[in-house]
PDB file of N, CA and C in Angstrom:
ATOM      1  N   MET A   1      93.247  83.850  31.718  1.00  0.00           N
ATOM      2  CA  MET A   1      94.266  83.333  30.860  1.00  0.00           C
ATOM      3  C   MET A   1      95.215  82.510  31.773  1.00  0.00           C
ATOM      4  N   PRO A   2      95.320  81.276  31.433  1.00  0.00           N
ATOM      5  CA  PRO A   2      96.211  80.423  32.270  1.00  0.00           C
ATOM      6  C   PRO A   2      97.657  80.876  32.238  1.00  0.00           C
ATOM      7  N   ARG A   3      98.486  80.481  33.306  1.00  0.00           N
ATOM      8  CA  ARG A   3      99.814  80.748  33.451  1.00  0.00           C
ATOM      9  C   ARG A   3     100.545  79.778  32.506  1.00  0.00           C
ATOM     10  N   ALA A   4     101.578  80.400  31.723  1.00  0.00           N
ATOM     11  CA  ALA A   4     102.372  79.501  30.882  1.00  0.00           C
ATOM     12  C   ALA A   4     103.519  78.772  31.766  1.00  0.00           C
ATOM     13  N   THR A   5     103.545  77.454  31.697  1.00  0.00           N
ATOM     14  CA  THR A   5     104.573  76.741  32.360  1.00  0.00           C
ATOM     15  C   THR A   5     105.421  75.902  31.507  1.00  0.00           C
ATOM     16  N   THR A   6     105.427  76.240  30.148  1.00  0.00           N
ATOM     17  CA  THR A   6     106.294  75.412  29.314  1.00  0.00           C
ATOM     18  C   THR A   6     107.421  76.304  28.673  1.00  0.00           C
ATOM     19  N   GLY A   7     107.547  77.499  29.214  1.00  0.00           N
ATOM     20  CA  GLY A   7     108.643  78.370  28.632  1.00  0.00           C
ATOM     21  C   GLY A   7     110.024  78.007  28.960  1.00  0.00           C
ATOM     22  N   LYS A   8     110.995  78.741  28.207  1.00  0.00           N
ATOM     23  CA  LYS A   8     112.446  78.438  28.411  1.00  0.00           C
ATOM     24  C   LYS A   8     112.912  78.687  29.823  1.00  0.00           C
ATOM     25  N   VAL A   9     112.422  79.816  30.461  1.00  0.00           N
ATOM     26  CA  VAL A   9     112.853  80.185  31.753  1.00  0.00           C
ATOM     27  C   VAL A   9     112.336  79.185  32.872  1.00  0.00           C
ATOM     28  N   HIS A  10     111.100  78.882  32.640  1.00  0.00           N
ATOM     29  CA  HIS A  10     110.537  77.883  33.559  1.00  0.00           C
ATOM     30  C   HIS A  10     111.379  76.587  33.558  1.00  0.00           C
ATOM     31  N   HIS A  11     111.630  76.105  32.295  1.00  0.00           N
ATOM     32  CA  HIS A  11     112.254  74.865  32.131  1.00  0.00           C
ATOM     33  C   HIS A  11     113.665  74.902  32.723  1.00  0.00           C
ATOM     34  N   LYS A  12     114.389  75.975  32.500  1.00  0.00           N
ATOM     35  CA  LYS A  12     115.654  76.165  32.980  1.00  0.00           C
ATOM     36  C   LYS A  12     115.783  76.140  34.535  1.00  0.00           C
ATOM     37  N   ARG A  13     114.742  76.931  35.203  1.00  0.00           N
ATOM     38  CA  ARG A  13     114.687  76.872  36.703  1.00  0.00           C
ATOM     39  C   ARG A  13     114.559  75.588  37.110  1.00  0.00           C
ATOM     40  N   ARG A  14     113.550  74.788  36.523  1.00  0.00           N
ATOM     41  CA  ARG A  14     113.193  73.486  36.906  1.00  0.00           C
ATOM     42  C   ARG A  14     114.445  72.513  36.759  1.00  0.00           C
ATOM     43  N   GLU A  15     115.145  72.555  35.763  1.00  0.00           N
ATOM     44  CA  GLU A  15     116.379  71.728  35.496  1.00  0.00           C
ATOM     45  C   GLU A  15     117.398  72.029  36.595  1.00  0.00           C
ATOM     46  N   LYS A  16     117.510  73.450  36.865  1.00  0.00           N
ATOM     47  CA  LYS A  16     118.562  73.720  37.893  1.00  0.00           C
ATOM     48  C   LYS A  16     118.313  73.218  39.279  1.00  0.00           C
ATOM     49  N   ILE A  17     116.963  73.352  39.574  1.00  0.00           N
ATOM     50  CA  ILE A  17     116.621  72.735  40.854  1.00  0.00           C
ATOM     51  C   ILE A  17     116.796  71.106  40.909  1.00  0.00           C
ATOM     52  N   LEU A  18     116.349  70.590  39.873  1.00  0.00           N
ATOM     53  CA  LEU A  18     116.488  69.042  39.843  1.00  0.00           C
ATOM     54  C   LEU A  18     117.921  68.652  39.692  1.00  0.00           C
ATOM     55  N   GLU A  19     118.794  69.483  39.175  1.00  0.00           N
ATOM     56  CA  GLU A  19     120.192  69.154  39.118  1.00  0.00           C
ATOM     57  C   GLU A  19     120.799  69.185  40.437  1.00  0.00           C
ATOM     58  N   ASP A  20     120.451  70.278  41.259  1.00  0.00           N
ATOM     59  CA  ASP A  20     120.911  70.404  42.560  1.00  0.00           C
ATOM     60  C   ASP A  20     120.502  69.243  43.511  1.00  0.00           C
ATOM     61  N   THR A  21     119.327  68.654  43.244  1.00  0.00           N
ATOM     62  CA  THR A  21     118.898  67.591  44.191  1.00  0.00           C
ATOM     63  C   THR A  21     119.121  66.230  43.608  1.00  0.00           C
ATOM     64  N   LYS A  22     119.977  66.167  42.593  1.00  0.00           N
ATOM     65  CA  LYS A  22     120.490  64.901  42.063  1.00  0.00           C
ATOM     66  C   LYS A  22     121.095  64.097  43.073  1.00  0.00           C
ATOM     67  N   GLY A  23     120.679  62.836  43.277  1.00  0.00           N
ATOM     68  CA  GLY A  23     121.409  61.946  44.244  1.00  0.00           C
ATOM     69  C   GLY A  23     120.541  61.990  45.646  1.00  0.00           C
ATOM     70  N   PHE A  24     119.520  62.817  45.700  1.00  0.00           N
ATOM     71  CA  PHE A  24     118.647  62.677  46.908  1.00  0.00           C
ATOM     72  C   PHE A  24     117.774  61.471  46.694  1.00  0.00           C
ATOM     73  N   PHE A  25     117.091  61.035  47.925  1.00  0.00           N
ATOM     74  CA  PHE A  25     116.412  59.938  48.005  1.00  0.00           C
ATOM     75  C   PHE A  25     114.968  60.072  47.543  1.00  0.00           C
ATOM     76  N   GLY A  26     114.409  59.103  46.845  1.00  0.00           N
ATOM     77  CA  GLY A  26     113.029  59.162  46.452  1.00  0.00           C
ATOM     78  C   GLY A  26     112.509  60.286  45.675  1.00  0.00           C
ATOM     79  N   ALA A  27     111.339  60.747  45.963  1.00  0.00           N
ATOM     80  CA  ALA A  27     110.700  61.863  45.222  1.00  0.00           C
ATOM     81  C   ALA A  27     111.552  63.134  45.378  1.00  0.00           C
ATOM     82  N   ARG A  28     112.314  63.252  46.366  1.00  0.00           N
ATOM     83  CA  ARG A  28     113.144  64.445  46.546  1.00  0.00           C
ATOM     84  C   ARG A  28     114.021  64.871  45.393  1.00  0.00           C
ATOM     85  N   LYS A  29     114.322  63.895  44.542  1.00  0.00           N
ATOM     86  CA  LYS A  29     115.153  63.963  43.446  1.00  0.00           C
ATOM     87  C   LYS A  29     114.480  64.348  42.155  1.00  0.00           C
ATOM     88  N   ASN A  30     113.226  64.057  41.909  1.00  0.00           N
ATOM     89  CA  ASN A  30     112.574  64.198  40.738  1.00  0.00           C
ATOM     90  C   ASN A  30     111.218  64.889  40.620  1.00  0.00           C
ATOM     91  N   LEU A  31     110.627  65.155  41.816  1.00  0.00           N
ATOM     92  CA  LEU A  31     109.342  66.011  41.794  1.00  0.00           C
ATOM     93  C   LEU A  31     109.714  67.421  42.256  1.00  0.00           C
ATOM     94  N   LEU A  32     109.390  68.312  41.287  1.00  0.00           N
ATOM     95  CA  LEU A  32     109.731  69.737  41.564  1.00  0.00           C
ATOM     96  C   LEU A  32     109.305  70.287  42.863  1.00  0.00           C
ATOM     97  N   ARG A  33     108.100  70.216  43.337  1.00  0.00           N
ATOM     98  CA  ARG A  33     107.704  70.869  44.563  1.00  0.00           C
ATOM     99  C   ARG A  33     108.569  70.269  45.787  1.00  0.00           C
ATOM    100  N   THR A  34     108.674  68.853  45.728  1.00  0.00           N
ATOM    101  CA  THR A  34     109.446  68.184  46.842  1.00  0.00           C
ATOM    102  C   THR A  34     110.923  68.620  46.708  1.00  0.00           C
ATOM    103  N   ALA A  35     111.435  68.613  45.563  1.00  0.00           N
ATOM    104  CA  ALA A  35     112.814  68.924  45.238  1.00  0.00           C
ATOM    105  C   ALA A  35     113.210  70.368  45.738  1.00  0.00           C
ATOM    106  N   LYS A  36     112.291  71.242  45.579  1.00  0.00           N
ATOM    107  CA  LYS A  36     112.528  72.744  46.065  1.00  0.00           C
ATOM    108  C   LYS A  36     112.609  72.744  47.490  1.00  0.00           C
ATOM    109  N   ASP A  37     111.663  72.073  48.175  1.00  0.00           N
ATOM    110  CA  ASP A  37     111.868  72.038  49.584  1.00  0.00           C
ATOM    111  C   ASP A  37     113.161  71.422  50.179  1.00  0.00           C
ATOM    112  N   ALA A  38     113.452  70.219  49.531  1.00  0.00           N
ATOM    113  CA  ALA A  38     114.622  69.543  49.901  1.00  0.00           C
ATOM    114  C   ALA A  38     115.906  70.294  49.731  1.00  0.00           C
ATOM    115  N   ARG A  39     115.871  70.988  48.526  1.00  0.00           N
ATOM    116  CA  ARG A  39     117.046  71.932  48.170  1.00  0.00           C
ATOM    117  C   ARG A  39     117.243  72.989  49.252  1.00  0.00           C
ATOM    118  N   ARG A  40     116.067  73.635  49.660  1.00  0.00           N
ATOM    119  CA  ARG A  40     116.136  74.751  50.500  1.00  0.00           C
ATOM    120  C   ARG A  40     116.689  74.317  51.852  1.00  0.00           C
ATOM    121  N   ARG A  41     116.158  73.230  52.273  1.00  0.00           N
ATOM    122  CA  ARG A  41     116.629  72.629  53.510  1.00  0.00           C
ATOM    123  C   ARG A  41     118.129  72.241  53.583  1.00  0.00           C
ATOM    124  N   ALA A  42     118.485  71.626  52.504  1.00  0.00           N
ATOM    125  CA  ALA A  42     119.903  71.189  52.201  1.00  0.00           C
ATOM    126  C   ALA A  42     120.851  72.502  52.320  1.00  0.00           C
ATOM    127  N   LEU A  43     120.393  73.526  51.692  1.00  0.00           N
ATOM    128  CA  LEU A  43     121.267  74.819  51.595  1.00  0.00           C
ATOM    129  C   LEU A  43     121.341  75.356  53.076  1.00  0.00           C
ATOM    130  N   GLU A  44     120.156  75.257  53.845  1.00  0.00           N
ATOM    131  CA  GLU A  44     120.210  75.780  55.247  1.00  0.00           C
ATOM    132  C   GLU A  44     121.173  74.982  56.096  1.00  0.00           C
ATOM    133  N   ASN A  45     121.025  73.733  55.927  1.00  0.00           N
ATOM    134  CA  ASN A  45     121.799  72.871  56.731  1.00  0.00           C
ATOM    135  C   ASN A  45     123.376  72.998  56.470  1.00  0.00           C
ATOM    136  N   SER A  46     123.642  73.192  55.082  1.00  0.00           N
ATOM    137  CA  SER A  46     125.054  73.287  54.690  1.00  0.00           C
ATOM    138  C   SER A  46     125.596  74.573  55.205  1.00  0.00           C
ATOM    139  N   TYR A  47     124.896  75.618  55.286  1.00  0.00           N
ATOM    140  CA  TYR A  47     125.298  76.889  55.871  1.00  0.00           C
ATOM    141  C   TYR A  47     125.596  76.749  57.320  1.00  0.00           C
ATOM    142  N   ALA A  48     124.647  76.086  58.101  1.00  0.00           N
ATOM    143  CA  ALA A  48     124.786  75.898  59.551  1.00  0.00           C
ATOM    144  C   ALA A  48     125.967  74.979  59.829  1.00  0.00           C
ATOM    145  N   ASP A  49     126.056  73.879  59.097  1.00  0.00           N
ATOM    146  CA  ASP A  49     127.101  72.944  59.329  1.00  0.00           C
ATOM    147  C   ASP A  49     128.521  73.450  58.920  1.00  0.00           C
ATOM    148  N   ARG A  50     128.672  74.329  58.120  1.00  0.00           N
ATOM    149  CA  ARG A  50     129.945  74.900  57.884  1.00  0.00           C
ATOM    150  C   ARG A  50     130.494  75.600  59.173  1.00  0.00           C
ATOM    151  N   ARG A  51     129.571  76.161  59.902  1.00  0.00           N
ATOM    152  CA  ARG A  51     129.936  76.713  61.202  1.00  0.00           C
ATOM    153  C   ARG A  51     130.124  75.710  62.336  1.00  0.00           C
ATOM    154  N   ARG A  52     129.162  74.703  62.365  1.00  0.00           N
ATOM    155  CA  ARG A  52     129.270  73.577  63.273  1.00  0.00           C
ATOM    156  C   ARG A  52     130.530  72.705  63.080  1.00  0.00           C
ATOM    157  N   LYS A  53     131.001  72.575  62.029  1.00  0.00           N
ATOM    158  CA  LYS A  53     132.199  71.822  61.743  1.00  0.00           C
ATOM    159  C   LYS A  53     133.465  72.438  62.499  1.00  0.00           C
ATOM    160  N   LYS A  54     133.554  73.687  62.611  1.00  0.00           N
ATOM    161  CA  LYS A  54     134.586  74.306  63.355  1.00  0.00           C
ATOM    162  C   LYS A  54     134.457  73.960  64.937  1.00  0.00           C
ATOM    163  N   ARG A  55     133.288  73.942  65.342  1.00  0.00           N
ATOM    164  CA  ARG A  55     133.050  73.585  66.763  1.00  0.00           C
ATOM    165  C   ARG A  55     133.438  72.066  67.059  1.00  0.00           C
ATOM    166  N   GLU A  56     133.036  71.242  66.054  1.00  0.00           N
ATOM    167  CA  GLU A  56     133.312  69.841  66.191  1.00  0.00           C
ATOM    168  C   GLU A  56     134.737  69.522  66.186  1.00  0.00           C
ATOM    169  N   PHE A  57     135.440  70.073  65.259  1.00  0.00           N
ATOM    170  CA  PHE A  57     136.894  69.891  65.148  1.00  0.00           C
ATOM    171  C   PHE A  57     137.636  70.321  66.473  1.00  0.00           C
ATOM    172  N   ARG A  58     137.247  71.506  66.912  1.00  0.00           N
ATOM    173  CA  ARG A  58     137.943  72.009  68.202  1.00  0.00           C
ATOM    174  C   ARG A  58     137.651  71.006  69.352  1.00  0.00           C
ATOM    175  N   SER A  59     136.475  70.487  69.529  1.00  0.00           N
ATOM    176  CA  SER A  59     136.194  69.527  70.560  1.00  0.00           C
ATOM    177  C   SER A  59     136.887  68.215  70.335  1.00  0.00           C
ATOM    178  N   LEU A  60     137.091  67.830  69.023  1.00  0.00           N
ATOM    179  CA  LEU A  60     137.943  66.546  68.792  1.00  0.00           C
ATOM    180  C   LEU A  60     139.333  66.823  69.209  1.00  0.00           C
ATOM    181  N   TRP A  61     139.872  67.957  68.901  1.00  0.00           N
ATOM    182  CA  TRP A  61     141.247  68.224  69.266  1.00  0.00           C
ATOM    183  C   TRP A  61     141.453  68.298  70.785  1.00  0.00           C
ATOM    184  N   ILE A  62     140.449  68.864  71.430  1.00  0.00           N
ATOM    185  CA  ILE A  62     140.568  68.790  72.874  1.00  0.00           C
ATOM    186  C   ILE A  62     140.506  67.436  73.552  1.00  0.00           C
ATOM    187  N   ILE A  63     139.671  66.533  72.931  1.00  0.00           N
ATOM    188  CA  ILE A  63     139.552  65.144  73.382  1.00  0.00           C
ATOM    189  C   ILE A  63     140.924  64.499  73.193  1.00  0.00           C
ATOM    190  N   ARG A  64     141.510  64.666  71.926  1.00  0.00           N
ATOM    191  CA  ARG A  64     142.821  64.030  71.782  1.00  0.00           C
ATOM    192  C   ARG A  64     143.939  64.507  72.587  1.00  0.00           C
ATOM    193  N   ILE A  65     143.858  65.804  72.877  1.00  0.00           N
ATOM    194  CA  ILE A  65     144.930  66.462  73.846  1.00  0.00           C
ATOM    195  C   ILE A  65     144.775  65.834  75.176  1.00  0.00           C
ATOM    196  N   ASN A  66     143.535  65.816  75.679  1.00  0.00           N
ATOM    197  CA  ASN A  66     143.251  65.243  77.010  1.00  0.00           C
ATOM    198  C   ASN A  66     143.714  63.850  77.109  1.00  0.00           C
ATOM    199  N   ALA A  67     143.389  62.975  76.176  1.00  0.00           N
ATOM    200  CA  ALA A  67     143.723  61.646  76.228  1.00  0.00           C
ATOM    201  C   ALA A  67     145.344  61.510  76.341  1.00  0.00           C
ATOM    202  N   ALA A  68     146.038  62.251  75.554  1.00  0.00           N
ATOM    203  CA  ALA A  68     147.531  62.139  75.432  1.00  0.00           C
ATOM    204  C   ALA A  68     147.968  62.809  76.738  1.00  0.00           C
ATOM    205  N   ALA A  69     147.414  63.870  77.232  1.00  0.00           N
ATOM    206  CA  ALA A  69     147.874  64.453  78.488  1.00  0.00           C
ATOM    207  C   ALA A  69     147.733  63.409  79.770  1.00  0.00           C
ATOM    208  N   ARG A  70     146.666  62.769  79.671  1.00  0.00           N
ATOM    209  CA  ARG A  70     146.473  61.834  80.848  1.00  0.00           C
ATOM    210  C   ARG A  70     147.443  60.642  80.763  1.00  0.00           C
ATOM    211  N   GLN A  71     147.761  60.300  79.569  1.00  0.00           N
ATOM    212  CA  GLN A  71     148.860  59.297  79.360  1.00  0.00           C
ATOM    213  C   GLN A  71     150.254  59.728  79.990  1.00  0.00           C
ATOM    214  N   ASN A  72     150.349  61.081  80.001  1.00  0.00           N
ATOM    215  CA  ASN A  72     151.589  61.620  80.578  1.00  0.00           C
ATOM    216  C   ASN A  72     151.435  62.192  81.972  1.00  0.00           C
ATOM    217  N   GLY A  73     150.242  61.858  82.639  1.00  0.00           N
ATOM    218  CA  GLY A  73     150.082  62.091  84.038  1.00  0.00           C
ATOM    219  C   GLY A  73     149.562  63.452  84.353  1.00  0.00           C
ATOM    220  N   ILE A  74     148.835  64.160  83.530  1.00  0.00           N
ATOM    221  CA  ILE A  74     148.346  65.441  83.728  1.00  0.00           C
ATOM    222  C   ILE A  74     147.025  65.596  83.125  1.00  0.00           C
ATOM    223  N   SER A  75     146.134  66.493  83.576  1.00  0.00           N
ATOM    224  CA  SER A  75     144.822  66.762  83.024  1.00  0.00           C
ATOM    225  C   SER A  75     144.973  67.799  81.962  1.00  0.00           C
ATOM    226  N   TYR A  76     143.959  67.823  81.166  1.00  0.00           N
ATOM    227  CA  TYR A  76     143.904  68.785  80.110  1.00  0.00           C
ATOM    228  C   TYR A  76     143.823  70.112  80.653  1.00  0.00           C
ATOM    229  N   SER A  77     143.113  70.480  81.611  1.00  0.00           N
ATOM    230  CA  SER A  77     142.982  71.871  82.230  1.00  0.00           C
ATOM    231  C   SER A  77     144.295  72.349  82.806  1.00  0.00           C
ATOM    232  N   LYS A  78     145.044  71.373  83.487  1.00  0.00           N
ATOM    233  CA  LYS A  78     146.341  71.697  84.089  1.00  0.00           C
ATOM    234  C   LYS A  78     147.275  71.889  83.070  1.00  0.00           C
ATOM    235  N   LEU A  79     147.248  71.075  81.893  1.00  0.00           N
ATOM    236  CA  LEU A  79     148.226  71.200  80.823  1.00  0.00           C
ATOM    237  C   LEU A  79     148.057  72.574  80.157  1.00  0.00           C
ATOM    238  N   ILE A  80     146.951  73.079  79.937  1.00  0.00           N
ATOM    239  CA  ILE A  80     146.571  74.397  79.309  1.00  0.00           C
ATOM    240  C   ILE A  80     147.067  75.579  80.192  1.00  0.00           C
ATOM    241  N   SER A  81     146.787  75.386  81.496  1.00  0.00           N
ATOM    242  CA  SER A  81     147.085  76.300  82.436  1.00  0.00           C
ATOM    243  C   SER A  81     148.565  76.518  82.603  1.00  0.00           C
ATOM    244  N   GLY A  82     149.291  75.354  82.533  1.00  0.00           N
ATOM    245  CA  GLY A  82     150.736  75.283  82.712  1.00  0.00           C
ATOM    246  C   GLY A  82     151.482  75.901  81.423  1.00  0.00           C
ATOM    247  N   LEU A  83     150.820  75.636  80.264  1.00  0.00           N
ATOM    248  CA  LEU A  83     151.320  76.227  79.073  1.00  0.00           C
ATOM    249  C   LEU A  83     151.219  77.744  79.029  1.00  0.00           C
ATOM    250  N   ILE A  84     150.207  78.175  79.515  1.00  0.00           N
ATOM    251  CA  ILE A  84     149.906  79.637  79.536  1.00  0.00           C
ATOM    252  C   ILE A  84     150.823  80.245  80.422  1.00  0.00           C
ATOM    253  N   LYS A  85     151.043  79.651  81.662  1.00  0.00           N
ATOM    254  CA  LYS A  85     152.071  80.309  82.666  1.00  0.00           C
ATOM    255  C   LYS A  85     153.394  80.154  82.180  1.00  0.00           C
ATOM    256  N   ALA A  86     153.731  79.183  81.352  1.00  0.00           N
ATOM    257  CA  ALA A  86     155.130  79.001  80.815  1.00  0.00           C
ATOM    258  C   ALA A  86     155.322  79.938  79.526  1.00  0.00           C
ATOM    259  N   GLY A  87     154.304  80.547  79.055  1.00  0.00           N
ATOM    260  CA  GLY A  87     154.377  81.487  77.929  1.00  0.00           C
ATOM    261  C   GLY A  87     154.491  80.730  76.656  1.00  0.00           C
ATOM    262  N   ILE A  88     154.051  79.463  76.545  1.00  0.00           N
ATOM    263  CA  ILE A  88     154.022  78.798  75.311  1.00  0.00           C
ATOM    264  C   ILE A  88     152.757  78.848  74.598  1.00  0.00           C
ATOM    265  N   GLU A  89     152.822  79.328  73.444  1.00  0.00           N
ATOM    266  CA  GLU A  89     151.669  79.517  72.596  1.00  0.00           C
ATOM    267  C   GLU A  89     151.595  78.494  71.556  1.00  0.00           C
ATOM    268  N   VAL A  90     150.874  77.312  71.698  1.00  0.00           N
ATOM    269  CA  VAL A  90     150.591  76.424  70.673  1.00  0.00           C
ATOM    270  C   VAL A  90     149.024  76.234  70.639  1.00  0.00           C
ATOM    271  N   ASN A  91     148.505  76.279  69.358  1.00  0.00           N
ATOM    272  CA  ASN A  91     147.101  76.152  69.317  1.00  0.00           C
ATOM    273  C   ASN A  91     146.636  74.750  69.435  1.00  0.00           C
ATOM    274  N   ARG A  92     145.415  74.411  69.651  1.00  0.00           N
ATOM    275  CA  ARG A  92     144.897  73.159  69.943  1.00  0.00           C
ATOM    276  C   ARG A  92     145.099  72.147  68.693  1.00  0.00           C
ATOM    277  N   LYS A  93     144.877  72.684  67.574  1.00  0.00           N
ATOM    278  CA  LYS A  93     145.072  71.845  66.326  1.00  0.00           C
ATOM    279  C   LYS A  93     146.466  71.219  66.272  1.00  0.00           C
ATOM    280  N   ILE A  94     147.474  72.025  66.522  1.00  0.00           N
ATOM    281  CA  ILE A  94     148.802  71.657  66.475  1.00  0.00           C
ATOM    282  C   ILE A  94     149.207  70.626  67.579  1.00  0.00           C
ATOM    283  N   MET A  95     148.662  70.983  68.780  1.00  0.00           N
ATOM    284  CA  MET A  95     148.866  70.153  69.930  1.00  0.00           C
ATOM    285  C   MET A  95     148.242  68.713  69.711  1.00  0.00           C
ATOM    286  N   ALA A  96     147.030  68.679  69.115  1.00  0.00           N
ATOM    287  CA  ALA A  96     146.387  67.376  68.880  1.00  0.00           C
ATOM    288  C   ALA A  96     147.191  66.598  67.807  1.00  0.00           C
ATOM    289  N   GLU A  97     147.853  67.310  66.795  1.00  0.00           N
ATOM    290  CA  GLU A  97     148.684  66.726  65.746  1.00  0.00           C
ATOM    291  C   GLU A  97     149.876  66.085  66.394  1.00  0.00           C
ATOM    292  N   LEU A  98     150.436  66.929  67.378  1.00  0.00           N
ATOM    293  CA  LEU A  98     151.626  66.334  67.979  1.00  0.00           C
ATOM    294  C   LEU A  98     151.357  65.240  68.925  1.00  0.00           C
ATOM    295  N   ALA A  99     150.158  65.276  69.569  1.00  0.00           N
ATOM    296  CA  ALA A  99     149.837  64.159  70.434  1.00  0.00           C
ATOM    297  C   ALA A  99     149.717  62.768  69.695  1.00  0.00           C
ATOM    298  N   VAL A 100     149.240  62.914  68.402  1.00  0.00           N
ATOM    299  CA  VAL A 100     148.983  61.780  67.616  1.00  0.00           C
ATOM    300  C   VAL A 100     150.283  61.330  66.861  1.00  0.00           C
ATOM    301  N   SER A 101     151.011  62.295  66.298  1.00  0.00           N
ATOM    302  CA  SER A 101     152.106  61.948  65.378  1.00  0.00           C
ATOM    303  C   SER A 101     153.472  61.972  66.059  1.00  0.00           C
ATOM    304  N   ASP A 102     153.566  62.782  67.112  1.00  0.00           N
ATOM    305  CA  ASP A 102     154.941  62.958  67.637  1.00  0.00           C
ATOM    306  C   ASP A 102     154.850  62.996  69.182  1.00  0.00           C
ATOM    307  N   PRO A 103     154.618  61.903  69.855  1.00  0.00           N
ATOM    308  CA  PRO A 103     154.525  61.774  71.297  1.00  0.00           C
ATOM    309  C   PRO A 103     155.690  62.380  72.089  1.00  0.00           C
ATOM    310  N   LYS A 104     156.862  62.283  71.518  1.00  0.00           N
ATOM    311  CA  LYS A 104     157.991  62.843  72.303  1.00  0.00           C
ATOM    312  C   LYS A 104     157.923  64.382  72.421  1.00  0.00           C
ATOM    313  N   ALA A 105     157.640  64.939  71.309  1.00  0.00           N
ATOM    314  CA  ALA A 105     157.495  66.461  71.296  1.00  0.00           C
ATOM    315  C   ALA A 105     156.294  66.905  72.255  1.00  0.00           C
ATOM    316  N   PHE A 106     155.200  66.146  72.309  1.00  0.00           N
ATOM    317  CA  PHE A 106     154.121  66.377  73.095  1.00  0.00           C
ATOM    318  C   PHE A 106     154.482  66.228  74.563  1.00  0.00           C
ATOM    319  N   LYS A 107     155.368  65.213  74.838  1.00  0.00           N
ATOM    320  CA  LYS A 107     155.843  65.030  76.329  1.00  0.00           C
ATOM    321  C   LYS A 107     156.736  66.229  76.709  1.00  0.00           C
ATOM    322  N   GLN A 108     157.432  66.846  75.788  1.00  0.00           N
ATOM    323  CA  GLN A 108     158.194  68.024  76.117  1.00  0.00           C
ATOM    324  C   GLN A 108     157.298  69.148  76.514  1.00  0.00           C
ATOM    325  N   LEU A 109     156.174  69.303  75.836  1.00  0.00           N
ATOM    326  CA  LEU A 109     155.194  70.311  76.168  1.00  0.00           C
ATOM    327  C   LEU A 109     154.592  70.113  77.627  1.00  0.00           C
ATOM    328  N   VAL A 110     154.371  68.781  77.794  1.00  0.00           N
ATOM    329  CA  VAL A 110     153.724  68.445  79.102  1.00  0.00           C
ATOM    330  C   VAL A 110     154.668  68.718  80.224  1.00  0.00           C
ATOM    331  N   ASP A 111     156.023  68.314  79.987  1.00  0.00           N
ATOM    332  CA  ASP A 111     157.074  68.702  80.983  1.00  0.00           C
ATOM    333  C   ASP A 111     157.252  70.169  81.249  1.00  0.00           C
ATOM    334  N   ALA A 112     157.084  70.875  80.145  1.00  0.00           N
ATOM    335  CA  ALA A 112     157.253  72.403  80.322  1.00  0.00           C
ATOM    336  C   ALA A 112     155.919  72.949  81.179  1.00  0.00           C
ATOM    337  N   ALA A 113     154.821  72.280  80.958  1.00  0.00           N
ATOM    338  CA  ALA A 113     153.618  72.757  81.665  1.00  0.00           C
ATOM    339  C   ALA A 113     153.732  72.241  83.142  1.00  0.00           C
ATOM    340  N   LYS A 114     154.224  71.099  83.356  1.00  0.00           N
ATOM    341  CA  LYS A 114     154.408  70.578  84.868  1.00  0.00           C
ATOM    342  C   LYS A 114     155.363  71.349  85.539  1.00  0.00           C
ATOM    343  N   ALA A 115     156.353  71.873  84.860  1.00  0.00           N
ATOM    344  CA  ALA A 115     157.263  72.698  85.624  1.00  0.00           C
ATOM    345  C   ALA A 115     156.770  74.041  86.094  1.00  0.00           C
ATOM    346  N   LYS A 116     155.723  74.486  85.435  1.00  0.00           N
ATOM    347  CA  LYS A 116     155.119  75.751  85.932  1.00  0.00           C
ATOM    348  C   LYS A 116     154.002  75.412  86.878  1.00  0.00           C
TER     349      LYS A 116
END
């Protein structure tokens, strides 16, 4: 006896998969077998990329801090070392924001680090 493929559950599952792959390119959006593979890979990548995003932002902040620190005559590593010795706790996200939006406040941090 052949397997039934026209039932309500089968149709609902198919529609859910095809809805998830809406906007994908080519057959990945409308052929069930291809869409299932594309959806699985997309979910795997989205899981991994949520973790990768944190790494990428931290490295971006470090790049921005380093650029601003060098404009003030100090390297990134010496800036961080000086801030630790001075007992100043500012995370890299805030320091990068200061470097971009408020250079005077960042200069004060650099001066405090240079003093130590």
